[in-house]
Amino acid sequence: MSAQPVHGGTQGHPRVPRTIGGISGALRGSRRAQFFAELLEAQQGTELDDVLNAWWGRAMLDTDPDRDRIWKAAEAGTLPTTTMDAILRHRQERGLQ
């Protein structure tokens, strides 16, 4: 079994490349400036990796085709939720522990 992306991209080629250019190109509005501000302050190594990882996640959310629908549902309190127990049970049933 392999994981497949939900929206866009393919395995090994995500919707947003994990590069400075890929991340900055995907961010909306003022978030791009925030990304560059943090990027310019980060030390090479773990600190820089942490900045890139955090902002890559935000860029993936910014480019999610369902982003606006999910955001509205979350604000309205109608976003479906689950518990960690249900997630763990679901994974165990499929042998994914």
C-alpha atoms as a PDB file:
ATOM      1  CA  MET A   1       0.000   0.000   0.000  1.00  0.00           C
ATOM      2  CA  SER A   2       1.286   3.487  -0.767  1.00  0.00           C
ATOM      3  CA  ALA A   3       0.155   6.934   0.229  1.00  0.00           C
ATOM      4  CA  GLN A   4      -1.255   9.057  -2.560  1.00  0.00           C
ATOM      5  CA  PRO A   5      -1.787  12.814  -2.386  1.00  0.00           C
ATOM      6  CA  VAL A   6      -5.386  13.918  -2.050  1.00  0.00           C
ATOM      7  CA  HIS A   7      -5.142  16.961  -4.323  1.00  0.00           C
ATOM      8  CA  GLY A   8      -2.578  17.638  -6.987  1.00  0.00           C
ATOM      9  CA  GLY A   9       0.941  16.410  -7.305  1.00  0.00           C
ATOM     10  CA  THR A  10       2.091  12.836  -7.409  1.00  0.00           C
ATOM     11  CA  GLN A  11       4.093  10.706  -5.047  1.00  0.00           C
ATOM     12  CA  GLY A  12       7.609  12.131  -5.124  1.00  0.00           C
ATOM     13  CA  HIS A  13       6.335  15.322  -6.813  1.00  0.00           C
ATOM     14  CA  PRO A  14       4.118  17.224  -4.376  1.00  0.00           C
ATOM     15  CA  ARG A  15       1.815  20.054  -5.391  1.00  0.00           C
ATOM     16  CA  VAL A  16       4.278  22.471  -3.766  1.00  0.00           C
ATOM     17  CA  PRO A  17       7.978  21.695  -4.231  1.00  0.00           C
ATOM     18  CA  ARG A  18       9.990  21.729  -0.972  1.00  0.00           C
ATOM     19  CA  THR A  19      12.157  24.562  -2.235  1.00  0.00           C
ATOM     20  CA  ILE A  20      12.361  28.235  -1.315  1.00  0.00           C
ATOM     21  CA  GLY A  21      10.926  29.144  -4.722  1.00  0.00           C
ATOM     22  CA  GLY A  22       8.199  26.529  -4.563  1.00  0.00           C
ATOM     23  CA  ILE A  23       7.107  27.585  -1.092  1.00  0.00           C
ATOM     24  CA  SER A  24       7.213  31.332  -1.759  1.00  0.00           C
ATOM     25  CA  GLY A  25       5.303  30.905  -5.006  1.00  0.00           C
ATOM     26  CA  ALA A  26       2.498  29.032  -3.258  1.00  0.00           C
ATOM     27  CA  LEU A  27       1.969  31.318  -0.269  1.00  0.00           C
ATOM     28  CA  ARG A  28      -0.913  33.769  -0.275  1.00  0.00           C
ATOM     29  CA  GLY A  29      -0.605  37.494   0.392  1.00  0.00           C
ATOM     30  CA  SER A  30       1.473  38.741   3.275  1.00  0.00           C
ATOM     31  CA  ARG A  31       2.417  35.193   4.256  1.00  0.00           C
ATOM     32  CA  ARG A  32       5.137  35.287   1.584  1.00  0.00           C
ATOM     33  CA  ALA A  33       6.777  38.264   3.323  1.00  0.00           C
ATOM     34  CA  GLN A  34       6.552  36.481   6.686  1.00  0.00           C
ATOM     35  CA  PHE A  35       8.197  33.422   5.127  1.00  0.00           C
ATOM     36  CA  PHE A  36      11.098  35.451   3.766  1.00  0.00           C
ATOM     37  CA  ALA A  37      11.546  37.291   7.075  1.00  0.00           C
ATOM     38  CA  GLU A  38      11.890  33.989   8.956  1.00  0.00           C
ATOM     39  CA  LEU A  39      14.019  32.499   6.198  1.00  0.00           C
ATOM     40  CA  LEU A  40      16.496  35.386   6.289  1.00  0.00           C
ATOM     41  CA  GLU A  41      16.928  35.052  10.064  1.00  0.00           C
ATOM     42  CA  ALA A  42      17.401  31.267  10.136  1.00  0.00           C
ATOM     43  CA  GLN A  43      20.821  29.718  10.622  1.00  0.00           C
ATOM     44  CA  GLN A  44      21.899  27.089   8.099  1.00  0.00           C
ATOM     45  CA  GLY A  45      21.144  23.589   9.340  1.00  0.00           C
ATOM     46  CA  THR A  46      18.323  22.505  11.636  1.00  0.00           C
ATOM     47  CA  GLU A  47      16.937  26.008  12.121  1.00  0.00           C
ATOM     48  CA  LEU A  48      16.664  26.615   8.370  1.00  0.00           C
ATOM     49  CA  ASP A  49      15.202  23.134   7.846  1.00  0.00           C
ATOM     50  CA  ASP A  50      12.572  23.847  10.508  1.00  0.00           C
ATOM     51  CA  VAL A  51      11.556  27.109   8.802  1.00  0.00           C
ATOM     52  CA  LEU A  52      11.278  25.400   5.416  1.00  0.00           C
ATOM     53  CA  ASN A  53       9.279  22.480   6.845  1.00  0.00           C
ATOM     54  CA  ALA A  54       6.840  24.732   8.715  1.00  0.00           C
ATOM     55  CA  TRP A  55       6.252  27.015   5.753  1.00  0.00           C
ATOM     56  CA  TRP A  56       5.991  24.128   3.294  1.00  0.00           C
ATOM     57  CA  GLY A  57       3.056  22.864   5.342  1.00  0.00           C
ATOM     58  CA  ARG A  58       1.435  26.295   5.244  1.00  0.00           C
ATOM     59  CA  ALA A  59       2.041  26.517   1.483  1.00  0.00           C
ATOM     60  CA  MET A  60       0.393  23.128   1.005  1.00  0.00           C
ATOM     61  CA  LEU A  61      -2.636  24.398   2.916  1.00  0.00           C
ATOM     62  CA  ASP A  62      -2.708  27.641   0.902  1.00  0.00           C
ATOM     63  CA  THR A  63      -2.830  25.664  -2.352  1.00  0.00           C
ATOM     64  CA  ASP A  64      -5.368  23.062  -1.241  1.00  0.00           C
ATOM     65  CA  PRO A  65      -8.316  23.270  -3.670  1.00  0.00           C
ATOM     66  CA  ASP A  66     -10.714  22.657  -0.748  1.00  0.00           C
ATOM     67  CA  ARG A  67      -9.083  25.276   1.497  1.00  0.00           C
ATOM     68  CA  ASP A  68     -11.883  27.845   1.400  1.00  0.00           C
ATOM     69  CA  ARG A  69     -14.623  25.255   1.916  1.00  0.00           C
ATOM     70  CA  ILE A  70     -12.765  23.700   4.849  1.00  0.00           C
ATOM     71  CA  TRP A  71     -12.026  27.103   6.380  1.00  0.00           C
ATOM     72  CA  LYS A  72     -15.707  28.120   6.201  1.00  0.00           C
ATOM     73  CA  ALA A  73     -16.815  24.806   7.702  1.00  0.00           C
ATOM     74  CA  ALA A  74     -14.312  25.178  10.542  1.00  0.00           C
ATOM     75  CA  GLU A  75     -15.494  28.714  11.278  1.00  0.00           C
ATOM     76  CA  ALA A  76     -19.130  27.580  11.178  1.00  0.00           C
ATOM     77  CA  GLY A  77     -18.426  24.636  13.471  1.00  0.00           C
ATOM     78  CA  THR A  78     -19.610  22.141  10.861  1.00  0.00           C
ATOM     79  CA  LEU A  79     -16.242  20.604   9.985  1.00  0.00           C
ATOM     80  CA  PRO A  80     -16.409  16.851  10.565  1.00  0.00           C
ATOM     81  CA  THR A  81     -14.117  15.743  13.389  1.00  0.00           C
ATOM     82  CA  THR A  82     -12.993  12.488  14.918  1.00  0.00           C
ATOM     83  CA  THR A  83     -11.087  11.301  17.965  1.00  0.00           C
ATOM     84  CA  MET A  84      -7.568   9.902  18.170  1.00  0.00           C
ATOM     85  CA  ASP A  85      -9.081   6.665  19.483  1.00  0.00           C
ATOM     86  CA  ALA A  86     -11.174   6.355  16.305  1.00  0.00           C
ATOM     87  CA  ILE A  87      -8.141   7.105  14.112  1.00  0.00           C
ATOM     88  CA  LEU A  88      -6.005   4.522  15.926  1.00  0.00           C
ATOM     89  CA  ARG A  89      -8.790   1.932  15.728  1.00  0.00           C
ATOM     90  CA  HIS A  90      -9.207   2.628  12.008  1.00  0.00           C
ATOM     91  CA  ARG A  91      -5.448   2.229  11.425  1.00  0.00           C
ATOM     92  CA  GLN A  92      -5.303  -0.996  13.446  1.00  0.00           C
ATOM     93  CA  GLU A  93      -8.207  -2.465  11.480  1.00  0.00           C
ATOM     94  CA  ARG A  94      -6.179  -1.889   8.322  1.00  0.00           C
ATOM     95  CA  GLY A  95      -2.924  -3.165   9.814  1.00  0.00           C
ATOM     96  CA  LEU A  96      -1.261   0.259   9.716  1.00  0.00           C
ATOM     97  CA  GLN A  97      -0.589   0.729  13.435  1.00  0.00           C
END
